[in-house]
């Protein structure tokens, strides 16, 4: 009895197999109504792994430079953190895809 083997070969397009998940940056903007303490506390509370010291450094950068990148990573997480920072009253730049 002959065995028939049905062999199917799938060729993946290298352009689709190497595509990374979209990434984004979250940028807090300076304003005239949020205090250093509020900005630092919001960043420390919302951004995972953010130390209190680093959040204060970023709050000072927001004040001195007019903005600071507070997080970079997958777009879906960026959207969540961005919305949470907005809900705390921070002035935010639009999410920037990278």
PDB file of N, CA and C in Angstrom:
ATOM      1  N   UNK A   1       0.842  -1.175   0.000  1.00  0.00           N
ATOM      2  CA  UNK A   1       0.000   0.000   0.000  1.00  0.00           C
ATOM      3  C   UNK A   1       0.886   1.236   0.000  1.00  0.00           C
ATOM      4  N   UNK A   2       0.623   2.130  -0.926  1.00  0.00           N
ATOM      5  CA  UNK A   2       1.408   3.351  -1.029  1.00  0.00           C
ATOM      6  C   UNK A   2       0.852   4.397  -0.071  1.00  0.00           C
ATOM      7  N   UNK A   3       1.788   5.084   0.597  1.00  0.00           N
ATOM      8  CA  UNK A   3       1.366   6.188   1.454  1.00  0.00           C
ATOM      9  C   UNK A   3       1.558   7.487   0.691  1.00  0.00           C
ATOM     10  N   UNK A   4       0.567   8.293   0.715  1.00  0.00           N
ATOM     11  CA  UNK A   4       0.642   9.587   0.050  1.00  0.00           C
ATOM     12  C   UNK A   4       0.841  10.641   1.132  1.00  0.00           C
ATOM     13  N   UNK A   5       1.899  11.410   0.960  1.00  0.00           N
ATOM     14  CA  UNK A   5       2.188  12.457   1.925  1.00  0.00           C
ATOM     15  C   UNK A   5       1.836  13.793   1.301  1.00  0.00           C
ATOM     16  N   UNK A   6       0.991  14.503   1.983  1.00  0.00           N
ATOM     17  CA  UNK A   6       0.619  15.832   1.497  1.00  0.00           C
ATOM     18  C   UNK A   6       1.511  16.832   2.216  1.00  0.00           C
ATOM     19  N   UNK A   7       2.471  17.350   1.530  1.00  0.00           N
ATOM     20  CA  UNK A   7       3.432  18.272   2.126  1.00  0.00           C
ATOM     21  C   UNK A   7       3.090  19.696   1.711  1.00  0.00           C
ATOM     22  N   UNK A   8       2.877  20.535   2.691  1.00  0.00           N
ATOM     23  CA  UNK A   8       2.566  21.926   2.418  1.00  0.00           C
ATOM     24  C   UNK A   8       3.698  22.783   2.952  1.00  0.00           C
ATOM     25  N   UNK A   9       4.202  23.642   2.120  1.00  0.00           N
ATOM     26  CA  UNK A   9       5.278  24.536   2.531  1.00  0.00           C
ATOM     27  C   UNK A   9       4.710  25.947   2.586  1.00  0.00           C
ATOM     28  N   UNK A  10       4.974  26.613   3.684  1.00  0.00           N
ATOM     29  CA  UNK A  10       4.530  27.989   3.834  1.00  0.00           C
ATOM     30  C   UNK A  10       5.749  28.890   3.785  1.00  0.00           C
ATOM     31  N   UNK A  11       5.696  29.863   2.932  1.00  0.00           N
ATOM     32  CA  UNK A  11       6.782  30.828   2.834  1.00  0.00           C
ATOM     33  C   UNK A  11       6.270  32.132   3.427  1.00  0.00           C
ATOM     34  N   UNK A  12       6.969  32.600   4.449  1.00  0.00           N
ATOM     35  CA  UNK A  12       6.563  33.844   5.089  1.00  0.00           C
ATOM     36  C   UNK A  12       7.322  35.005   4.472  1.00  0.00           C
ATOM     37  N   UNK A  13       6.610  36.058   4.258  1.00  0.00           N
ATOM     38  CA  UNK A  13       7.230  37.262   3.723  1.00  0.00           C
ATOM     39  C   UNK A  13       8.121  37.854   4.812  1.00  0.00           C
ATOM     40  N   UNK A  14       9.419  38.033   4.547  1.00  0.00           N
ATOM     41  CA  UNK A  14      10.324  38.563   5.580  1.00  0.00           C
ATOM     42  C   UNK A  14       9.913  39.940   6.087  1.00  0.00           C
ATOM     43  N   UNK A  15       9.228  40.714   5.259  1.00  0.00           N
ATOM     44  CA  UNK A  15       8.804  42.047   5.692  1.00  0.00           C
ATOM     45  C   UNK A  15       7.776  41.959   6.817  1.00  0.00           C
ATOM     46  N   UNK A  16       6.918  40.932   6.766  1.00  0.00           N
ATOM     47  CA  UNK A  16       5.902  40.817   7.810  1.00  0.00           C
ATOM     48  C   UNK A  16       6.426  40.072   9.023  1.00  0.00           C
ATOM     49  N   UNK A  17       7.358  39.171   8.849  1.00  0.00           N
ATOM     50  CA  UNK A  17       7.840  38.407   9.996  1.00  0.00           C
ATOM     51  C   UNK A  17       8.790  39.221  10.862  1.00  0.00           C
ATOM     52  N   UNK A  18       9.402  40.258  10.307  1.00  0.00           N
ATOM     53  CA  UNK A  18      10.345  41.060  11.084  1.00  0.00           C
ATOM     54  C   UNK A  18       9.723  42.345  11.626  1.00  0.00           C
ATOM     55  N   UNK A  19       8.483  42.574  11.309  1.00  0.00           N
ATOM     56  CA  UNK A  19       7.838  43.808  11.744  1.00  0.00           C
ATOM     57  C   UNK A  19       7.686  43.825  13.256  1.00  0.00           C
ATOM     58  N   UNK A  20       8.131  44.911  13.874  1.00  0.00           N
ATOM     59  CA  UNK A  20       8.012  45.059  15.322  1.00  0.00           C
ATOM     60  C   UNK A  20       6.650  45.639  15.676  1.00  0.00           C
ATOM     61  N   UNK A  21       6.232  45.356  16.885  1.00  0.00           N
ATOM     62  CA  UNK A  21       5.030  45.979  17.404  1.00  0.00           C
ATOM     63  C   UNK A  21       5.287  47.483  17.473  1.00  0.00           C
ATOM     64  N   UNK A  22       4.324  48.321  17.097  1.00  0.00           N
ATOM     65  CA  UNK A  22       4.560  49.769  17.112  1.00  0.00           C
ATOM     66  C   UNK A  22       4.941  50.266  18.505  1.00  0.00           C
ATOM     67  N   UNK A  23       5.907  51.150  18.542  1.00  0.00           N
ATOM     68  CA  UNK A  23       6.331  51.742  19.814  1.00  0.00           C
ATOM     69  C   UNK A  23       6.020  53.224  19.814  1.00  0.00           C
ATOM     70  N   UNK A  24       6.028  53.805  20.997  1.00  0.00           N
ATOM     71  CA  UNK A  24       5.674  55.211  21.141  1.00  0.00           C
ATOM     72  C   UNK A  24       6.408  55.827  22.330  1.00  0.00           C
ATOM     73  N   UNK A  25       6.419  57.151  22.318  1.00  0.00           N
ATOM     74  CA  UNK A  25       7.000  57.922  23.427  1.00  0.00           C
ATOM     75  C   UNK A  25       5.891  58.707  24.109  1.00  0.00           C
ATOM     76  N   UNK A  26       6.004  58.847  25.420  1.00  0.00           N
ATOM     77  CA  UNK A  26       5.071  59.676  26.183  1.00  0.00           C
ATOM     78  C   UNK A  26       5.849  60.897  26.663  1.00  0.00           C
ATOM     79  N   UNK A  27       5.328  62.067  26.335  1.00  0.00           N
ATOM     80  CA  UNK A  27       6.009  63.313  26.670  1.00  0.00           C
ATOM     81  C   UNK A  27       5.074  64.196  27.492  1.00  0.00           C
ATOM     82  N   UNK A  28       5.575  64.616  28.667  1.00  0.00           N
ATOM     83  CA  UNK A  28       4.848  65.552  29.528  1.00  0.00           C
ATOM     84  C   UNK A  28       5.326  66.957  29.180  1.00  0.00           C
ATOM     85  N   UNK A  29       4.374  67.877  29.049  1.00  0.00           N
ATOM     86  CA  UNK A  29       4.680  69.272  28.719  1.00  0.00           C
ATOM     87  C   UNK A  29       4.579  70.161  29.956  1.00  0.00           C
ATOM     88  N   UNK A  30       5.331  71.231  29.947  1.00  0.00           N
ATOM     89  CA  UNK A  30       5.283  72.209  31.035  1.00  0.00           C
ATOM     90  C   UNK A  30       3.985  72.997  30.951  1.00  0.00           C
ATOM     91  N   UNK A  31       3.487  73.405  32.081  1.00  0.00           N
ATOM     92  CA  UNK A  31       2.314  74.275  32.146  1.00  0.00           C
ATOM     93  C   UNK A  31       2.459  75.185  33.351  1.00  0.00           C
ATOM     94  N   UNK A  32       1.508  76.075  33.530  1.00  0.00           N
ATOM     95  CA  UNK A  32       1.600  77.056  34.617  1.00  0.00           C
ATOM     96  C   UNK A  32       0.777  76.695  35.843  1.00  0.00           C
ATOM     97  N   UNK A  33       0.217  75.479  35.868  1.00  0.00           N
ATOM     98  CA  UNK A  33      -0.663  75.175  36.996  1.00  0.00           C
ATOM     99  C   UNK A  33      -0.309  73.905  37.756  1.00  0.00           C
ATOM    100  N   UNK A  34       0.421  72.977  37.185  1.00  0.00           N
ATOM    101  CA  UNK A  34       0.812  71.775  37.928  1.00  0.00           C
ATOM    102  C   UNK A  34       2.122  72.015  38.669  1.00  0.00           C
ATOM    103  N   UNK A  35       2.158  71.581  39.926  1.00  0.00           N
ATOM    104  CA  UNK A  35       3.372  71.752  40.726  1.00  0.00           C
ATOM    105  C   UNK A  35       4.381  70.641  40.413  1.00  0.00           C
ATOM    106  N   UNK A  36       5.643  70.886  40.791  1.00  0.00           N
ATOM    107  CA  UNK A  36       6.668  69.848  40.644  1.00  0.00           C
ATOM    108  C   UNK A  36       6.212  68.578  41.338  1.00  0.00           C
ATOM    109  N   UNK A  37       5.715  68.752  42.555  1.00  0.00           N
ATOM    110  CA  UNK A  37       5.313  67.599  43.363  1.00  0.00           C
ATOM    111  C   UNK A  37       4.211  66.796  42.676  1.00  0.00           C
ATOM    112  N   UNK A  38       3.223  67.483  42.131  1.00  0.00           N
ATOM    113  CA  UNK A  38       2.125  66.783  41.464  1.00  0.00           C
ATOM    114  C   UNK A  38       2.631  66.024  40.235  1.00  0.00           C
ATOM    115  N   UNK A  39       3.441  66.689  39.411  1.00  0.00           N
ATOM    116  CA  UNK A  39       3.988  66.047  38.208  1.00  0.00           C
ATOM    117  C   UNK A  39       4.824  64.833  38.600  1.00  0.00           C
ATOM    118  N   UNK A  40       5.724  65.000  39.559  1.00  0.00           N
ATOM    119  CA  UNK A  40       6.586  63.890  39.995  1.00  0.00           C
ATOM    120  C   UNK A  40       5.766  62.736  40.563  1.00  0.00           C
ATOM    121  N   UNK A  41       4.779  63.039  41.382  1.00  0.00           N
ATOM    122  CA  UNK A  41       3.944  61.992  41.976  1.00  0.00           C
ATOM    123  C   UNK A  41       3.146  61.236  40.916  1.00  0.00           C
ATOM    124  N   UNK A  42       2.600  61.963  39.943  1.00  0.00           N
ATOM    125  CA  UNK A  42       1.840  61.306  38.873  1.00  0.00           C
ATOM    126  C   UNK A  42       2.737  60.376  38.058  1.00  0.00           C
ATOM    127  N   UNK A  43       3.911  60.855  37.695  1.00  0.00           N
ATOM    128  CA  UNK A  43       4.845  60.039  36.915  1.00  0.00           C
ATOM    129  C   UNK A  43       5.240  58.792  37.703  1.00  0.00           C
ATOM    130  N   UNK A  44       5.567  58.979  38.978  1.00  0.00           N
ATOM    131  CA  UNK A  44       5.990  57.846  39.813  1.00  0.00           C
ATOM    132  C   UNK A  44       4.868  56.838  40.020  1.00  0.00           C
ATOM    133  N   UNK A  45       3.646  57.325  40.132  1.00  0.00           N
ATOM    134  CA  UNK A  45       2.500  56.456  40.383  1.00  0.00           C
ATOM    135  C   UNK A  45       2.072  55.685  39.136  1.00  0.00           C
ATOM    136  N   UNK A  46       2.106  56.327  37.985  1.00  0.00           N
ATOM    137  CA  UNK A  46       1.531  55.740  36.766  1.00  0.00           C
ATOM    138  C   UNK A  46       2.538  54.949  35.936  1.00  0.00           C
ATOM    139  N   UNK A  47       3.770  55.427  35.850  1.00  0.00           N
ATOM    140  CA  UNK A  47       4.763  54.759  35.002  1.00  0.00           C
ATOM    141  C   UNK A  47       5.404  53.613  35.786  1.00  0.00           C
ATOM    142  N   UNK A  48       5.242  52.370  35.321  1.00  0.00           N
ATOM    143  CA  UNK A  48       5.782  51.213  36.044  1.00  0.00           C
ATOM    144  C   UNK A  48       7.312  51.278  36.169  1.00  0.00           C
ATOM    145  N   UNK A  49       7.789  50.951  37.351  1.00  0.00           N
ATOM    146  CA  UNK A  49       9.228  50.905  37.584  1.00  0.00           C
ATOM    147  C   UNK A  49       9.878  52.261  37.770  1.00  0.00           C
ATOM    148  N   UNK A  50       9.096  53.311  37.808  1.00  0.00           N
ATOM    149  CA  UNK A  50       9.641  54.662  37.948  1.00  0.00           C
ATOM    150  C   UNK A  50       9.972  54.923  39.421  1.00  0.00           C
ATOM    151  N   UNK A  51      11.214  55.297  39.667  1.00  0.00           N
ATOM    152  CA  UNK A  51      11.614  55.622  41.038  1.00  0.00           C
ATOM    153  C   UNK A  51      11.169  57.043  41.370  1.00  0.00           C
ATOM    154  N   UNK A  52      11.054  57.306  42.646  1.00  0.00           N
ATOM    155  CA  UNK A  52      10.671  58.644  43.094  1.00  0.00           C
ATOM    156  C   UNK A  52      11.742  59.649  42.664  1.00  0.00           C
ATOM    157  N   UNK A  53      13.002  59.258  42.793  1.00  0.00           N
ATOM    158  CA  UNK A  53      14.104  60.152  42.418  1.00  0.00           C
ATOM    159  C   UNK A  53      14.041  60.494  40.922  1.00  0.00           C
ATOM    160  N   UNK A  54      13.849  59.480  40.088  1.00  0.00           N
ATOM    161  CA  UNK A  54      13.787  59.706  38.638  1.00  0.00           C
ATOM    162  C   UNK A  54      12.577  60.564  38.270  1.00  0.00           C
ATOM    163  N   UNK A  55      11.455  60.366  38.956  1.00  0.00           N
ATOM    164  CA  UNK A  55      10.267  61.165  38.657  1.00  0.00           C
ATOM    165  C   UNK A  55      10.501  62.643  38.973  1.00  0.00           C
ATOM    166  N   UNK A  56      11.263  62.930  40.027  1.00  0.00           N
ATOM    167  CA  UNK A  56      11.584  64.312  40.370  1.00  0.00           C
ATOM    168  C   UNK A  56      12.532  64.914  39.329  1.00  0.00           C
ATOM    169  N   UNK A  57      13.494  64.136  38.868  1.00  0.00           N
ATOM    170  CA  UNK A  57      14.411  64.599  37.812  1.00  0.00           C
ATOM    171  C   UNK A  57      13.612  64.959  36.558  1.00  0.00           C
ATOM    172  N   UNK A  58      12.648  64.106  36.206  1.00  0.00           N
ATOM    173  CA  UNK A  58      11.818  64.375  35.026  1.00  0.00           C
ATOM    174  C   UNK A  58      10.937  65.604  35.229  1.00  0.00           C
ATOM    175  N   UNK A  59      10.410  65.799  36.435  1.00  0.00           N
ATOM    176  CA  UNK A  59       9.579  66.977  36.716  1.00  0.00           C
ATOM    177  C   UNK A  59      10.403  68.257  36.554  1.00  0.00           C
ATOM    178  N   UNK A  60      11.642  68.233  37.000  1.00  0.00           N
ATOM    179  CA  UNK A  60      12.531  69.391  36.832  1.00  0.00           C
ATOM    180  C   UNK A  60      12.831  69.614  35.347  1.00  0.00           C
ATOM    181  N   UNK A  61      13.041  68.522  34.610  1.00  0.00           N
ATOM    182  CA  UNK A  61      13.290  68.634  33.162  1.00  0.00           C
ATOM    183  C   UNK A  61      12.091  69.252  32.449  1.00  0.00           C
ATOM    184  N   UNK A  62      10.891  68.853  32.841  1.00  0.00           N
ATOM    185  CA  UNK A  62       9.679  69.432  32.253  1.00  0.00           C
ATOM    186  C   UNK A  62       9.696  70.946  32.461  1.00  0.00           C
ATOM    187  N   UNK A  63      10.033  71.382  33.666  1.00  0.00           N
ATOM    188  CA  UNK A  63      10.046  72.812  33.983  1.00  0.00           C
ATOM    189  C   UNK A  63      11.147  73.552  33.225  1.00  0.00           C
ATOM    190  N   UNK A  64      12.340  73.012  33.216  1.00  0.00           N
ATOM    191  CA  UNK A  64      13.487  73.702  32.592  1.00  0.00           C
ATOM    192  C   UNK A  64      13.466  73.657  31.067  1.00  0.00           C
ATOM    193  N   UNK A  65      13.108  72.488  30.509  1.00  0.00           N
ATOM    194  CA  UNK A  65      13.188  72.297  29.058  1.00  0.00           C
ATOM    195  C   UNK A  65      11.840  72.479  28.352  1.00  0.00           C
ATOM    196  N   UNK A  66      10.767  72.513  29.134  1.00  0.00           N
ATOM    197  CA  UNK A  66       9.440  72.651  28.546  1.00  0.00           C
ATOM    198  C   UNK A  66       8.757  71.325  28.268  1.00  0.00           C
ATOM    199  N   UNK A  67       9.535  70.231  28.356  1.00  0.00           N
ATOM    200  CA  UNK A  67       8.974  68.898  28.146  1.00  0.00           C
ATOM    201  C   UNK A  67       9.979  67.851  28.596  1.00  0.00           C
ATOM    202  N   UNK A  68       9.470  66.638  28.794  1.00  0.00           N
ATOM    203  CA  UNK A  68      10.339  65.503  29.121  1.00  0.00           C
ATOM    204  C   UNK A  68       9.673  64.217  28.658  1.00  0.00           C
ATOM    205  N   UNK A  69      10.490  63.339  28.086  1.00  0.00           N
ATOM    206  CA  UNK A  69       9.995  62.007  27.736  1.00  0.00           C
ATOM    207  C   UNK A  69       9.998  61.199  29.021  1.00  0.00           C
ATOM    208  N   UNK A  70       8.825  60.710  29.407  1.00  0.00           N
ATOM    209  CA  UNK A  70       8.720  59.985  30.673  1.00  0.00           C
ATOM    210  C   UNK A  70       8.605  58.477  30.489  1.00  0.00           C
ATOM    211  N   UNK A  71       8.319  58.048  29.247  1.00  0.00           N
ATOM    212  CA  UNK A  71       8.213  56.600  28.999  1.00  0.00           C
ATOM    213  C   UNK A  71       8.316  56.343  27.515  1.00  0.00           C
ATOM    214  N   UNK A  72       8.841  55.155  27.180  1.00  0.00           N
ATOM    215  CA  UNK A  72       8.961  54.721  25.788  1.00  0.00           C
ATOM    216  C   UNK A  72       8.728  53.216  25.773  1.00  0.00           C
ATOM    217  N   UNK A  73       7.882  52.759  24.862  1.00  0.00           N
ATOM    218  CA  UNK A  73       7.610  51.333  24.778  1.00  0.00           C
ATOM    219  C   UNK A  73       6.457  51.034  23.846  1.00  0.00           C
ATOM    220  N   UNK A  74       5.843  49.854  24.003  1.00  0.00           N
ATOM    221  CA  UNK A  74       4.751  49.445  23.115  1.00  0.00           C
ATOM    222  C   UNK A  74       3.602  50.459  23.096  1.00  0.00           C
ATOM    223  N   UNK A  75       3.080  50.686  21.899  1.00  0.00           N
ATOM    224  CA  UNK A  75       2.035  51.685  21.688  1.00  0.00           C
ATOM    225  C   UNK A  75       0.819  51.470  22.584  1.00  0.00           C
ATOM    226  N   UNK A  76       0.382  50.240  22.734  1.00  0.00           N
ATOM    227  CA  UNK A  76      -0.818  49.971  23.535  1.00  0.00           C
ATOM    228  C   UNK A  76      -0.624  50.420  24.983  1.00  0.00           C
ATOM    229  N   UNK A  77       0.535  50.123  25.561  1.00  0.00           N
ATOM    230  CA  UNK A  77       0.812  50.577  26.928  1.00  0.00           C
ATOM    231  C   UNK A  77       0.944  52.095  26.968  1.00  0.00           C
ATOM    232  N   UNK A  78       1.582  52.666  25.949  1.00  0.00           N
ATOM    233  CA  UNK A  78       1.740  54.123  25.887  1.00  0.00           C
ATOM    234  C   UNK A  78       0.380  54.810  25.928  1.00  0.00           C
ATOM    235  N   UNK A  79      -0.577  54.267  25.194  1.00  0.00           N
ATOM    236  CA  UNK A  79      -1.920  54.860  25.181  1.00  0.00           C
ATOM    237  C   UNK A  79      -2.540  54.841  26.576  1.00  0.00           C
ATOM    238  N   UNK A  80      -2.356  53.748  27.292  1.00  0.00           N
ATOM    239  CA  UNK A  80      -2.903  53.636  28.649  1.00  0.00           C
ATOM    240  C   UNK A  80      -2.251  54.657  29.587  1.00  0.00           C
ATOM    241  N   UNK A  81      -0.919  54.676  29.632  1.00  0.00           N
ATOM    242  CA  UNK A  81      -0.219  55.597  30.537  1.00  0.00           C
ATOM    243  C   UNK A  81      -0.500  57.050  30.166  1.00  0.00           C
ATOM    244  N   UNK A  82      -0.570  57.344  28.877  1.00  0.00           N
ATOM    245  CA  UNK A  82      -0.860  58.699  28.409  1.00  0.00           C
ATOM    246  C   UNK A  82      -2.224  59.152  28.932  1.00  0.00           C
ATOM    247  N   UNK A  83      -3.226  58.289  28.778  1.00  0.00           N
ATOM    248  CA  UNK A  83      -4.574  58.633  29.241  1.00  0.00           C
ATOM    249  C   UNK A  83      -4.612  58.802  30.758  1.00  0.00           C
ATOM    250  N   UNK A  84      -3.894  57.955  31.478  1.00  0.00           N
ATOM    251  CA  UNK A  84      -3.872  58.067  32.939  1.00  0.00           C
ATOM    252  C   UNK A  84      -3.221  59.377  33.387  1.00  0.00           C
ATOM    253  N   UNK A  85      -2.147  59.790  32.719  1.00  0.00           N
ATOM    254  CA  UNK A  85      -1.492  61.057  33.064  1.00  0.00           C
ATOM    255  C   UNK A  85      -2.405  62.235  32.746  1.00  0.00           C
ATOM    256  N   UNK A  86      -3.121  62.166  31.631  1.00  0.00           N
ATOM    257  CA  UNK A  86      -4.099  63.222  31.291  1.00  0.00           C
ATOM    258  C   UNK A  86      -5.172  63.294  32.367  1.00  0.00           C
ATOM    259  N   UNK A  87      -5.640  62.132  32.824  1.00  0.00           N
ATOM    260  CA  UNK A  87      -6.716  62.108  33.824  1.00  0.00           C
ATOM    261  C   UNK A  87      -6.274  62.722  35.153  1.00  0.00           C
ATOM    262  N   UNK A  88      -4.965  62.784  35.391  1.00  0.00           N
ATOM    263  CA  UNK A  88      -4.434  63.416  36.612  1.00  0.00           C
ATOM    264  C   UNK A  88      -4.198  64.910  36.415  1.00  0.00           C
ATOM    265  N   UNK A  89      -4.505  65.417  35.204  1.00  0.00           N
ATOM    266  CA  UNK A  89      -4.398  66.844  34.946  1.00  0.00           C
ATOM    267  C   UNK A  89      -3.090  67.299  34.346  1.00  0.00           C
ATOM    268  N   UNK A  90      -2.198  66.356  33.983  1.00  0.00           N
ATOM    269  CA  UNK A  90      -0.947  66.772  33.377  1.00  0.00           C
ATOM    270  C   UNK A  90      -1.174  67.214  31.944  1.00  0.00           C
ATOM    271  N   UNK A  91      -0.352  68.141  31.495  1.00  0.00           N
ATOM    272  CA  UNK A  91      -0.403  68.614  30.117  1.00  0.00           C
ATOM    273  C   UNK A  91       0.499  67.703  29.291  1.00  0.00           C
ATOM    274  N   UNK A  92      -0.092  67.045  28.295  1.00  0.00           N
ATOM    275  CA  UNK A  92       0.623  66.021  27.550  1.00  0.00           C
ATOM    276  C   UNK A  92       0.739  66.371  26.070  1.00  0.00           C
ATOM    277  N   UNK A  93       1.881  66.018  25.483  1.00  0.00           N
ATOM    278  CA  UNK A  93       2.017  66.064  24.035  1.00  0.00           C
ATOM    279  C   UNK A  93       1.248  64.880  23.471  1.00  0.00           C
ATOM    280  N   UNK A  94       0.824  64.942  22.223  1.00  0.00           N
ATOM    281  CA  UNK A  94       0.218  63.748  21.614  1.00  0.00           C
ATOM    282  C   UNK A  94       1.209  62.591  21.659  1.00  0.00           C
ATOM    283  N   UNK A  95       0.700  61.382  21.717  1.00  0.00           N
ATOM    284  CA  UNK A  95       1.575  60.204  21.711  1.00  0.00           C
ATOM    285  C   UNK A  95       2.393  60.249  20.425  1.00  0.00           C
ATOM    286  N   UNK A  96       3.684  60.051  20.577  1.00  0.00           N
ATOM    287  CA  UNK A  96       4.585  60.109  19.432  1.00  0.00           C
ATOM    288  C   UNK A  96       5.054  58.698  19.076  1.00  0.00           C
ATOM    289  N   UNK A  97       4.641  58.223  17.905  1.00  0.00           N
ATOM    290  CA  UNK A  97       5.087  56.894  17.452  1.00  0.00           C
ATOM    291  C   UNK A  97       6.546  56.968  17.063  1.00  0.00           C
ATOM    292  N   UNK A  98       7.257  55.879  17.392  1.00  0.00           N
ATOM    293  CA  UNK A  98       8.685  55.819  17.024  1.00  0.00           C
ATOM    294  C   UNK A  98       8.972  54.561  16.237  1.00  0.00           C
TER     295      UNK A  98
END
